[in-house]
């Protein structure tokens, strides 16, 4: 298995360090199923158009199936001398079935072969990620349903702003992850284009049937320009960009989990199975999974930048630089896939501490906007109402109390538009219940959003 299949024009052996430097088998061996799947489709097509006999195609397919079993079992050794997964499969095929195996590469090149393998891999990766995003949305919807009435301080600038519900907060992430899933599903349409048939860069002189291969492999379209087909990595860039946005969402959620679990905040507790301890401080329970999701998100974003830099200034058509795309892209997929899987397992065990959330909401004058809205409804211009409530907040600060603890006499002294009915709008429950419109934080609206989300997820599950 050490002779180069491309070595006919070379008089000297490849330098050992060059073999080590140029080999990609350590990375691209994970494409063995895709490579064999595409090779089987290619062999069957060659038989249908008369380039191979049915007997030859059958021998090739049988040999490829055996190689797939060997690689899956770990019994086929990999070596840098054979560079990549394509050469390993082809060399082993020749060992198994003899000269017939040498005919498999008729009408194709490693350039269109690897482009096809990567599109097959990306397509299945998108399907796996969308399945995990479905599971994560379902978990968040369940959590939102459980906590639809739980008061949480809504923050801007990390300062208490207005009271919301924890369920409403969870549903915000459902919206984010829904967009992530939609983006990936949309990108899948552009991924699902067959480059095989472009050969090295100019096409082939053999009478191939590219649509036959596309149908076998489930591709919707054919790449229509052979130069672009072998050199295009837009599909990787687009999906990597989608993964970068998804990583931002994962990081935001992870940061809030870390913040909420901190001792000074203590809004939630995460399951022991997803936390770790300290080697020196026996009392510690650290949200390390959430912290690592937050950290690895930066790694995913970095892969997008790496891919963009890899592709810039590459002249048409294929260049060996493109070999580096796989390690970059695989890393992004692996990190996102693991992060999603962990959140799906961890979040159902999240426990809230409603009393801590409620106390925090009361500390920041969270119902100040409600009092301003109350004044507007009684004919006070909003800017004047804003100033009135600002004075009320200052008075409450001076006395070390919340707005709801000011007396009616205090409030009436600040504005003649205030009467006893103002006290009703200063409660946390009254504040969230008043925002009873589509998209609002009122528990009734949260439950309506949950119902819509469940219906959508059920429809997706049936597809």
Protein backbone atom coordinates (compact mmCIF):
# COMPACT_ATOMS: atom_id res chain seq x y z
CA UNK A 1 0.00 0.00 0.00
CA UNK A 2 3.03 2.35 -0.26
CA UNK A 3 3.24 2.97 -4.03
CA UNK A 4 1.84 6.35 -5.11
CA UNK A 5 -1.14 5.98 -7.40
CA UNK A 6 -0.14 9.26 -9.04
CA UNK A 7 3.61 8.58 -9.15
CA UNK A 8 4.18 7.56 -12.74
CA UNK A 9 5.98 10.73 -13.83
CA UNK A 10 8.21 10.90 -10.75
CA UNK A 11 11.72 9.43 -10.75
CA UNK A 12 12.43 9.93 -7.03
CA UNK A 13 10.51 8.96 -3.94
CA UNK A 14 8.68 11.62 -1.97
CA UNK A 15 10.70 13.02 0.91
CA UNK A 16 9.49 11.56 4.21
CA UNK A 17 8.92 15.01 5.71
CA UNK A 18 6.91 16.04 2.65
CA UNK A 19 4.74 12.97 3.10
CA UNK A 20 4.13 13.92 6.70
CA UNK A 21 3.49 17.58 5.81
CA UNK A 22 1.07 16.93 2.95
CA UNK A 23 -0.84 13.97 4.42
CA UNK A 24 -4.42 14.65 5.52
CA UNK A 25 -5.47 11.13 6.50
CA UNK A 26 -5.42 11.95 10.21
CA UNK A 27 -8.22 14.44 9.56
CA UNK A 28 -10.13 13.25 6.50
CA UNK A 29 -10.43 9.61 7.56
CA UNK A 30 -13.79 10.57 9.07
CA UNK A 31 -15.04 10.96 5.47
CA UNK A 32 -14.68 7.26 4.71
CA UNK A 33 -18.41 6.56 4.57
CA UNK A 34 -19.05 9.55 2.30
CA UNK A 35 -16.12 8.61 0.08
CA UNK A 36 -17.34 5.05 -0.30
CA UNK A 37 -20.94 6.14 -0.82
CA UNK A 38 -19.93 8.51 -3.63
CA UNK A 39 -17.58 5.92 -5.15
CA UNK A 40 -20.34 3.32 -5.29
CA UNK A 41 -22.64 5.79 -7.04
CA UNK A 42 -19.86 6.67 -9.50
CA UNK A 43 -19.12 3.01 -10.27
CA UNK A 44 -22.78 2.19 -10.86
CA UNK A 45 -23.14 5.18 -13.17
CA UNK A 46 -20.06 4.13 -15.16
CA UNK A 47 -21.66 0.72 -15.67
CA UNK A 48 -24.95 2.26 -16.80
CA UNK A 49 -23.21 4.38 -19.46
CA UNK A 50 -21.07 1.43 -20.63
CA UNK A 51 -17.67 2.58 -19.35
CA UNK A 52 -17.61 -0.39 -16.94
CA UNK A 53 -19.28 -3.75 -17.31
CA UNK A 54 -21.90 -4.79 -14.79
CA UNK A 55 -19.50 -7.49 -13.55
CA UNK A 56 -16.75 -4.92 -13.00
CA UNK A 57 -19.11 -2.51 -11.23
CA UNK A 58 -20.41 -5.30 -9.02
CA UNK A 59 -16.88 -6.28 -8.02
CA UNK A 60 -16.03 -2.67 -7.22
CA UNK A 61 -19.16 -2.17 -5.13
CA UNK A 62 -18.56 -5.41 -3.23
CA UNK A 63 -14.97 -4.40 -2.56
CA UNK A 64 -15.97 -0.94 -1.38
CA UNK A 65 -18.53 -2.40 1.01
CA UNK A 66 -15.84 -4.62 2.49
CA UNK A 67 -13.48 -1.64 2.90
CA UNK A 68 -16.24 0.28 4.68
CA UNK A 69 -16.59 -2.60 7.14
CA UNK A 70 -12.82 -2.77 7.66
CA UNK A 71 -12.49 0.93 8.37
CA UNK A 72 -15.50 0.90 10.69
CA UNK A 73 -13.94 -2.02 12.57
CA UNK A 74 -10.57 -0.26 12.77
CA UNK A 75 -8.77 -3.06 10.92
CA UNK A 76 -7.52 -1.02 7.96
CA UNK A 77 -4.24 0.72 8.84
CA UNK A 78 -3.74 4.33 7.83
CA UNK A 79 -0.40 5.70 6.64
CA UNK A 80 0.89 9.12 5.62
CA UNK A 81 2.32 7.54 2.48
CA UNK A 82 -1.20 7.23 1.08
CA UNK A 83 -1.96 10.84 1.97
CA UNK A 84 -5.76 10.85 2.25
CA UNK A 85 -8.88 8.76 2.60
CA UNK A 86 -9.37 8.59 -1.18
CA UNK A 87 -5.99 6.96 -1.78
CA UNK A 88 -6.49 4.57 1.11
CA UNK A 89 -9.83 3.37 -0.24
CA UNK A 90 -8.59 3.04 -3.81
CA UNK A 91 -5.35 1.28 -2.86
CA UNK A 92 -7.17 -1.20 -0.67
CA UNK A 93 -9.72 -1.79 -3.42
CA UNK A 94 -6.93 -2.70 -5.84
CA UNK A 95 -5.49 -5.08 -3.24
CA UNK A 96 -8.87 -6.77 -2.86
CA UNK A 97 -10.08 -7.06 -6.46
CA UNK A 98 -6.98 -6.47 -8.59
CA UNK A 99 -6.84 -4.41 -11.78
CA UNK A 100 -10.60 -3.86 -11.89
CA UNK A 101 -10.14 -1.63 -8.88
CA UNK A 102 -7.91 0.64 -10.95
CA UNK A 103 -10.90 1.49 -13.15
CA UNK A 104 -12.90 3.16 -10.37
CA UNK A 105 -11.20 6.53 -10.83
CA UNK A 106 -12.20 6.73 -14.50
CA UNK A 107 -13.83 10.07 -15.27
CA UNK A 108 -13.17 11.70 -11.93
CA UNK A 109 -10.44 13.43 -9.91
CA UNK A 110 -9.71 13.77 -6.26
CA UNK A 111 -10.73 17.41 -6.76
CA UNK A 112 -14.38 16.69 -7.54
CA UNK A 113 -14.28 13.60 -5.31
CA UNK A 114 -13.39 15.51 -2.13
CA UNK A 115 -15.83 18.32 -2.98
CA UNK A 116 -18.57 15.70 -3.19
CA UNK A 117 -17.51 13.98 0.01
CA UNK A 118 -17.54 17.26 1.90
CA UNK A 119 -20.99 18.18 0.64
CA UNK A 120 -22.28 14.79 1.75
CA UNK A 121 -20.67 15.30 5.16
CA UNK A 122 -22.00 18.85 5.58
CA UNK A 123 -25.48 17.76 4.56
CA UNK A 124 -25.57 15.08 7.26
CA UNK A 125 -23.98 17.44 9.81
CA UNK A 126 -26.74 19.99 9.17
CA UNK A 127 -29.35 17.29 9.69
CA UNK A 128 -27.76 16.28 13.02
CA UNK A 129 -27.47 19.88 14.19
CA UNK A 130 -31.07 20.68 13.24
CA UNK A 131 -32.22 17.62 15.19
CA UNK A 132 -30.32 18.85 18.25
CA UNK A 133 -31.72 22.36 17.82
CA UNK A 134 -35.20 20.83 17.71
CA UNK A 135 -34.48 18.99 20.98
CA UNK A 136 -33.08 22.13 22.61
CA UNK A 137 -36.12 24.19 21.64
CA UNK A 138 -38.38 21.49 23.03
CA UNK A 139 -36.45 21.48 26.34
CA UNK A 140 -36.64 25.28 26.57
CA UNK A 141 -40.37 25.26 25.82
CA UNK A 142 -40.89 22.72 28.60
CA UNK A 143 -38.86 24.89 30.98
CA UNK A 144 -40.82 27.98 29.94
CA UNK A 145 -44.09 26.17 30.59
CA UNK A 146 -42.93 25.22 34.07
CA UNK A 147 -41.83 28.79 34.85
CA UNK A 148 -44.45 30.83 32.98
CA UNK A 149 -45.45 32.71 36.17
CA UNK A 150 -42.01 32.95 37.82
CA UNK A 151 -41.01 36.59 38.24
CA UNK A 152 -37.50 37.45 36.97
CA UNK A 153 -35.83 40.85 36.85
CA UNK A 154 -35.43 41.80 33.20
CA UNK A 155 -32.09 43.53 32.67
CA UNK A 156 -30.62 46.12 30.37
CA UNK A 157 -26.94 47.03 30.85
CA UNK A 158 -27.04 44.29 33.54
CA UNK A 159 -29.19 46.70 35.59
CA UNK A 160 -32.71 45.86 36.73
CA UNK A 161 -35.05 47.29 34.09
CA UNK A 162 -38.55 45.78 34.19
CA UNK A 163 -40.06 42.63 35.65
CA UNK A 164 -40.52 39.75 33.24
CA UNK A 165 -41.14 36.05 33.72
CA UNK A 166 -38.52 33.33 33.56
CA UNK A 167 -40.74 31.56 31.04
CA UNK A 168 -40.65 34.62 28.76
CA UNK A 169 -36.87 34.66 29.05
CA UNK A 170 -36.64 31.00 28.04
CA UNK A 171 -38.86 31.64 25.03
CA UNK A 172 -36.44 34.32 23.83
CA UNK A 173 -33.86 31.56 23.35
CA UNK A 174 -36.42 29.42 21.56
CA UNK A 175 -36.71 32.24 19.02
CA UNK A 176 -32.91 32.43 18.65
CA UNK A 177 -32.45 28.71 18.15
CA UNK A 178 -35.40 28.60 15.77
CA UNK A 179 -33.60 31.14 13.56
CA UNK A 180 -30.43 29.06 13.78
CA UNK A 181 -32.31 26.00 12.59
CA UNK A 182 -33.94 27.96 9.77
CA UNK A 183 -30.57 29.31 8.61
CA UNK A 184 -29.02 25.84 8.52
CA UNK A 185 -32.01 24.39 6.69
CA UNK A 186 -31.78 27.18 4.13
CA UNK A 187 -28.03 26.64 3.71
CA UNK A 188 -28.67 22.95 3.12
CA UNK A 189 -30.31 23.79 -0.21
CA UNK A 190 -27.06 25.33 -1.45
CA UNK A 191 -24.99 22.51 0.01
CA UNK A 192 -27.05 19.92 -1.85
CA UNK A 193 -25.41 20.51 -5.24
CA UNK A 194 -23.36 17.73 -6.89
CA UNK A 195 -19.83 18.66 -8.05
CA UNK A 196 -18.87 15.14 -9.16
CA UNK A 197 -18.29 15.08 -12.91
CA UNK A 198 -16.16 18.21 -12.92
CA UNK A 199 -13.09 15.95 -12.66
CA UNK A 200 -9.90 17.95 -12.07
CA UNK A 201 -11.29 21.27 -13.36
CA UNK A 202 -12.49 20.92 -16.97
CA UNK A 203 -14.89 17.99 -16.92
CA UNK A 204 -14.24 14.58 -18.51
CA UNK A 205 -14.21 13.06 -21.99
CA UNK A 206 -16.22 10.04 -20.83
CA UNK A 207 -20.02 9.92 -21.42
CA UNK A 208 -20.95 10.29 -17.76
CA UNK A 209 -24.49 10.79 -16.48
CA UNK A 210 -24.21 13.28 -13.64
CA UNK A 211 -27.95 13.27 -12.94
CA UNK A 212 -27.77 9.52 -12.35
CA UNK A 213 -25.15 10.09 -9.62
CA UNK A 214 -27.16 12.98 -8.19
CA UNK A 215 -30.26 10.80 -7.88
CA UNK A 216 -28.30 8.01 -6.20
CA UNK A 217 -26.77 10.39 -3.66
CA UNK A 218 -29.86 12.54 -3.07
CA UNK A 219 -28.53 15.78 -4.59
CA UNK A 220 -31.10 18.25 -5.87
CA UNK A 221 -28.93 20.09 -8.38
CA UNK A 222 -25.71 19.79 -10.39
CA UNK A 223 -22.82 22.25 -10.20
CA UNK A 224 -22.96 23.87 -13.63
CA UNK A 225 -19.37 25.06 -13.99
CA UNK A 226 -16.52 22.61 -13.59
CA UNK A 227 -14.02 25.23 -12.43
CA UNK A 228 -16.36 26.46 -9.72
CA UNK A 229 -17.45 22.94 -8.79
CA UNK A 230 -13.98 21.84 -7.64
CA UNK A 231 -12.86 25.12 -6.06
CA UNK A 232 -16.06 26.36 -4.41
CA UNK A 233 -16.09 26.31 -0.63
CA UNK A 234 -18.89 28.84 -0.22
CA UNK A 235 -21.04 26.08 1.24
CA UNK A 236 -18.52 25.64 4.06
CA UNK A 237 -18.24 29.37 4.62
CA UNK A 238 -22.00 29.80 4.77
CA UNK A 239 -22.55 26.95 7.21
CA UNK A 240 -19.55 28.08 9.28
CA UNK A 241 -21.13 31.54 9.46
CA UNK A 242 -24.40 29.98 10.59
CA UNK A 243 -22.49 28.02 13.22
CA UNK A 244 -20.78 31.23 14.33
CA UNK A 245 -24.15 32.90 14.92
CA UNK A 246 -25.37 29.78 16.69
CA UNK A 247 -22.24 29.87 18.85
CA UNK A 248 -23.06 33.46 19.82
CA UNK A 249 -26.47 32.29 21.03
CA UNK A 250 -24.94 29.37 22.91
CA UNK A 251 -22.47 31.72 24.56
CA UNK A 252 -25.18 34.17 25.61
CA UNK A 253 -27.21 31.39 27.20
CA UNK A 254 -24.13 29.92 28.86
CA UNK A 255 -23.17 33.32 30.28
CA UNK A 256 -26.62 33.76 31.80
CA UNK A 257 -26.48 30.29 33.34
CA UNK A 258 -23.12 31.15 34.91
CA UNK A 259 -24.41 34.53 36.11
CA UNK A 260 -27.66 33.13 37.48
CA UNK A 261 -25.83 30.40 39.39
CA UNK A 262 -23.23 32.70 40.95
CA UNK A 263 -23.44 32.84 44.74
CA UNK A 264 -24.34 36.55 44.82
CA UNK A 265 -27.23 36.07 42.39
CA UNK A 266 -28.35 32.48 43.07
CA UNK A 267 -31.36 32.52 40.73
CA UNK A 268 -30.86 28.90 39.66
CA UNK A 269 -29.13 25.67 40.52
CA UNK A 270 -27.76 23.34 37.83
CA UNK A 271 -27.69 19.55 38.24
CA UNK A 272 -24.65 18.11 40.00
CA UNK A 273 -23.92 15.89 37.00
CA UNK A 274 -23.14 18.98 34.91
CA UNK A 275 -21.00 20.82 37.46
CA UNK A 276 -17.57 20.21 38.92
CA UNK A 277 -15.78 20.95 42.19
CA UNK A 278 -12.57 22.58 43.28
CA UNK A 279 -9.35 20.73 44.03
CA UNK A 280 -8.78 22.93 47.09
CA UNK A 281 -12.14 24.46 48.11
CA UNK A 282 -14.53 21.72 49.25
CA UNK A 283 -17.62 23.93 49.14
CA UNK A 284 -17.40 24.84 45.45
CA UNK A 285 -19.94 23.79 42.81
CA UNK A 286 -18.80 25.29 39.54
CA UNK A 287 -20.90 25.56 36.34
CA UNK A 288 -17.99 24.34 34.23
CA UNK A 289 -20.10 22.92 31.40
CA UNK A 290 -21.72 26.31 30.84
CA UNK A 291 -18.34 28.03 31.10
CA UNK A 292 -16.80 25.69 28.54
CA UNK A 293 -19.73 26.18 26.15
CA UNK A 294 -19.11 29.90 26.49
CA UNK A 295 -15.39 29.39 25.87
CA UNK A 296 -15.72 26.99 22.96
CA UNK A 297 -18.07 29.39 21.20
CA UNK A 298 -15.05 31.60 20.54
CA UNK A 299 -13.31 28.64 18.98
CA UNK A 300 -16.25 28.14 16.61
CA UNK A 301 -16.21 31.80 15.59
CA UNK A 302 -12.48 31.52 14.99
CA UNK A 303 -13.03 28.67 12.54
CA UNK A 304 -15.17 30.94 10.36
CA UNK A 305 -12.39 33.51 10.23
CA UNK A 306 -9.86 30.76 9.47
CA UNK A 307 -11.96 29.51 6.55
CA UNK A 308 -12.40 33.00 5.14
CA UNK A 309 -8.65 33.60 5.26
CA UNK A 310 -7.95 30.16 3.77
CA UNK A 311 -10.12 30.91 0.73
CA UNK A 312 -9.10 34.49 0.07
CA UNK A 313 -6.87 35.13 -2.97
CA UNK A 314 -7.10 31.58 -4.28
CA UNK A 315 -6.98 31.57 -8.06
CA UNK A 316 -9.23 29.11 -9.89
CA UNK A 317 -9.41 26.20 -9.72
CA UNK A 318 -8.45 23.73 -6.97
CA UNK A 319 -5.45 24.52 -4.74
CA UNK A 320 -3.88 22.32 -2.09
CA UNK A 321 -4.69 25.01 0.48
CA UNK A 322 -8.21 23.63 0.42
CA UNK A 323 -7.01 20.48 2.15
CA UNK A 324 -6.96 22.55 5.34
CA UNK A 325 -10.70 23.28 5.19
CA UNK A 326 -11.67 19.96 6.74
CA UNK A 327 -9.88 20.27 10.08
CA UNK A 328 -11.26 23.79 10.45
CA UNK A 329 -14.83 22.87 9.61
CA UNK A 330 -14.87 19.61 11.55
CA UNK A 331 -13.78 21.52 14.67
CA UNK A 332 -16.66 23.99 14.34
CA UNK A 333 -19.21 21.21 13.86
CA UNK A 334 -17.84 19.11 16.71
CA UNK A 335 -17.86 21.95 19.24
CA UNK A 336 -21.38 23.09 18.37
CA UNK A 337 -22.74 19.54 18.28
CA UNK A 338 -21.33 18.71 21.72
CA UNK A 339 -22.51 22.01 23.22
CA UNK A 340 -26.05 21.47 21.97
CA UNK A 341 -26.12 17.88 23.20
CA UNK A 342 -24.98 18.95 26.67
CA UNK A 343 -27.58 21.71 26.96
CA UNK A 344 -30.32 19.28 25.93
CA UNK A 345 -29.27 16.99 28.77
CA UNK A 346 -28.57 19.68 31.38
CA UNK A 347 -31.45 22.14 31.14
CA UNK A 348 -34.29 19.77 32.15
CA UNK A 349 -32.64 19.52 35.58
CA UNK A 350 -32.31 23.28 36.07
CA UNK A 351 -33.99 24.42 39.29
CA UNK A 352 -35.12 28.02 39.78
CA UNK A 353 -35.13 29.99 43.03
CA UNK A 354 -38.19 32.19 42.61
CA UNK A 355 -37.75 33.95 45.96
CA UNK A 356 -34.28 35.20 44.94
CA UNK A 357 -35.53 36.34 41.55
CA UNK A 358 -38.44 38.19 43.11
CA UNK A 359 -36.25 39.91 45.67
CA UNK A 360 -33.87 41.09 42.94
CA UNK A 361 -36.76 42.44 40.87
CA UNK A 362 -37.94 44.46 43.86
CA UNK A 363 -34.51 45.99 44.41
CA UNK A 364 -34.22 47.88 41.15
CA UNK A 365 -37.46 49.92 40.95
CA UNK A 366 -38.52 47.59 38.15
CA UNK A 367 -42.08 48.94 38.03
CA UNK A 368 -41.05 52.56 37.44
CA UNK A 369 -42.08 52.39 33.77
CA UNK A 370 -45.49 51.08 34.82
CA UNK A 371 -46.00 54.15 36.99
CA UNK A 372 -45.00 56.40 34.08
CA UNK A 373 -47.45 54.59 31.78
CA UNK A 374 -50.13 55.02 34.46
CA UNK A 375 -49.56 58.79 34.44
CA UNK A 376 -49.69 58.91 30.63
CA UNK A 377 -53.06 57.16 30.68
CA UNK A 378 -54.23 59.92 33.06
CA UNK A 379 -53.28 62.66 30.59
CA UNK A 380 -49.71 63.45 31.63
CA UNK A 381 -47.31 63.76 28.62
CA UNK A 382 -44.79 60.92 28.65
CA UNK A 383 -41.72 63.13 29.16
CA UNK A 384 -43.40 64.82 32.13
CA UNK A 385 -44.43 61.43 33.49
CA UNK A 386 -40.84 60.26 33.10
CA UNK A 387 -39.62 63.17 35.21
CA UNK A 388 -42.31 62.61 37.88
CA UNK A 389 -41.38 58.97 38.30
CA UNK A 390 -37.70 59.89 38.39
CA UNK A 391 -38.43 62.07 41.42
CA UNK A 392 -40.35 59.22 43.03
CA UNK A 393 -37.39 56.88 42.49
CA UNK A 394 -35.03 59.43 44.05
CA UNK A 395 -37.31 59.72 47.10
CA UNK A 396 -37.44 55.93 47.44
CA UNK A 397 -33.65 55.75 47.20
CA UNK A 398 -33.25 58.37 49.90
CA UNK A 399 -35.53 56.39 52.19
CA UNK A 400 -34.00 53.01 51.28
CA UNK A 401 -37.31 51.53 50.15
CA UNK A 402 -38.90 50.31 46.94
CA UNK A 403 -41.37 52.31 44.91
CA UNK A 404 -44.20 50.08 46.09
CA UNK A 405 -43.28 50.97 49.70
CA UNK A 406 -43.83 54.70 49.28
CA UNK A 407 -47.06 55.87 50.86
CA UNK A 408 -49.96 57.12 48.82
CA UNK A 409 -49.41 60.55 50.41
CA UNK A 410 -45.81 60.58 49.17
CA UNK A 411 -46.90 59.72 45.64
CA UNK A 412 -49.74 62.25 45.61
CA UNK A 413 -47.30 64.93 46.74
CA UNK A 414 -45.11 64.21 43.72
CA UNK A 415 -48.00 64.44 41.21
CA UNK A 416 -51.68 65.39 41.58
CA UNK A 417 -52.46 62.88 38.80
CA UNK A 418 -51.74 60.02 41.20
CA UNK A 419 -54.42 58.43 43.36
CA UNK A 420 -54.93 55.09 45.12
CA UNK A 421 -55.21 53.20 41.84
CA UNK A 422 -51.49 53.81 41.26
CA UNK A 423 -50.62 51.25 43.92
CA UNK A 424 -52.01 48.47 41.72
CA UNK A 425 -49.51 49.09 38.91
CA UNK A 426 -46.52 49.00 41.27
CA UNK A 427 -46.76 45.26 41.99
CA UNK A 428 -44.51 42.86 40.07
CA UNK A 429 -47.41 40.60 39.13
CA UNK A 430 -49.45 43.56 37.96
CA UNK A 431 -46.57 44.79 35.85
CA UNK A 432 -46.04 41.53 33.94
CA UNK A 433 -49.76 40.85 33.59
CA UNK A 434 -50.28 44.30 32.04
CA UNK A 435 -48.03 43.44 29.07
CA UNK A 436 -50.69 41.19 27.63
CA UNK A 437 -50.05 41.43 23.90
CA UNK A 438 -48.33 39.26 21.31
CA UNK A 439 -44.66 39.11 22.26
CA UNK A 440 -45.26 40.49 25.75
CA UNK A 441 -44.15 38.96 29.04
CA UNK A 442 -47.63 38.43 30.52
CA UNK A 443 -48.01 34.80 31.63
CA UNK A 444 -51.03 34.46 29.35
CA UNK A 445 -48.92 35.55 26.38
CA UNK A 446 -46.05 33.27 27.42
CA UNK A 447 -48.43 30.32 27.44
CA UNK A 448 -49.79 31.34 24.04
CA UNK A 449 -46.22 31.51 22.69
CA UNK A 450 -45.52 28.10 24.19
CA UNK A 451 -48.59 26.66 22.47
CA UNK A 452 -47.49 28.10 19.12
CA UNK A 453 -43.99 26.75 19.58
CA UNK A 454 -45.23 23.29 20.50
CA UNK A 455 -47.45 23.23 17.41
CA UNK A 456 -44.54 24.26 15.19
CA UNK A 457 -42.23 21.66 16.71
CA UNK A 458 -44.86 18.97 16.25
CA UNK A 459 -45.17 19.90 12.60
CA UNK A 460 -41.39 19.73 12.20
CA UNK A 461 -41.31 16.33 13.87
CA UNK A 462 -43.82 14.98 11.36
CA UNK A 463 -41.76 16.15 8.37
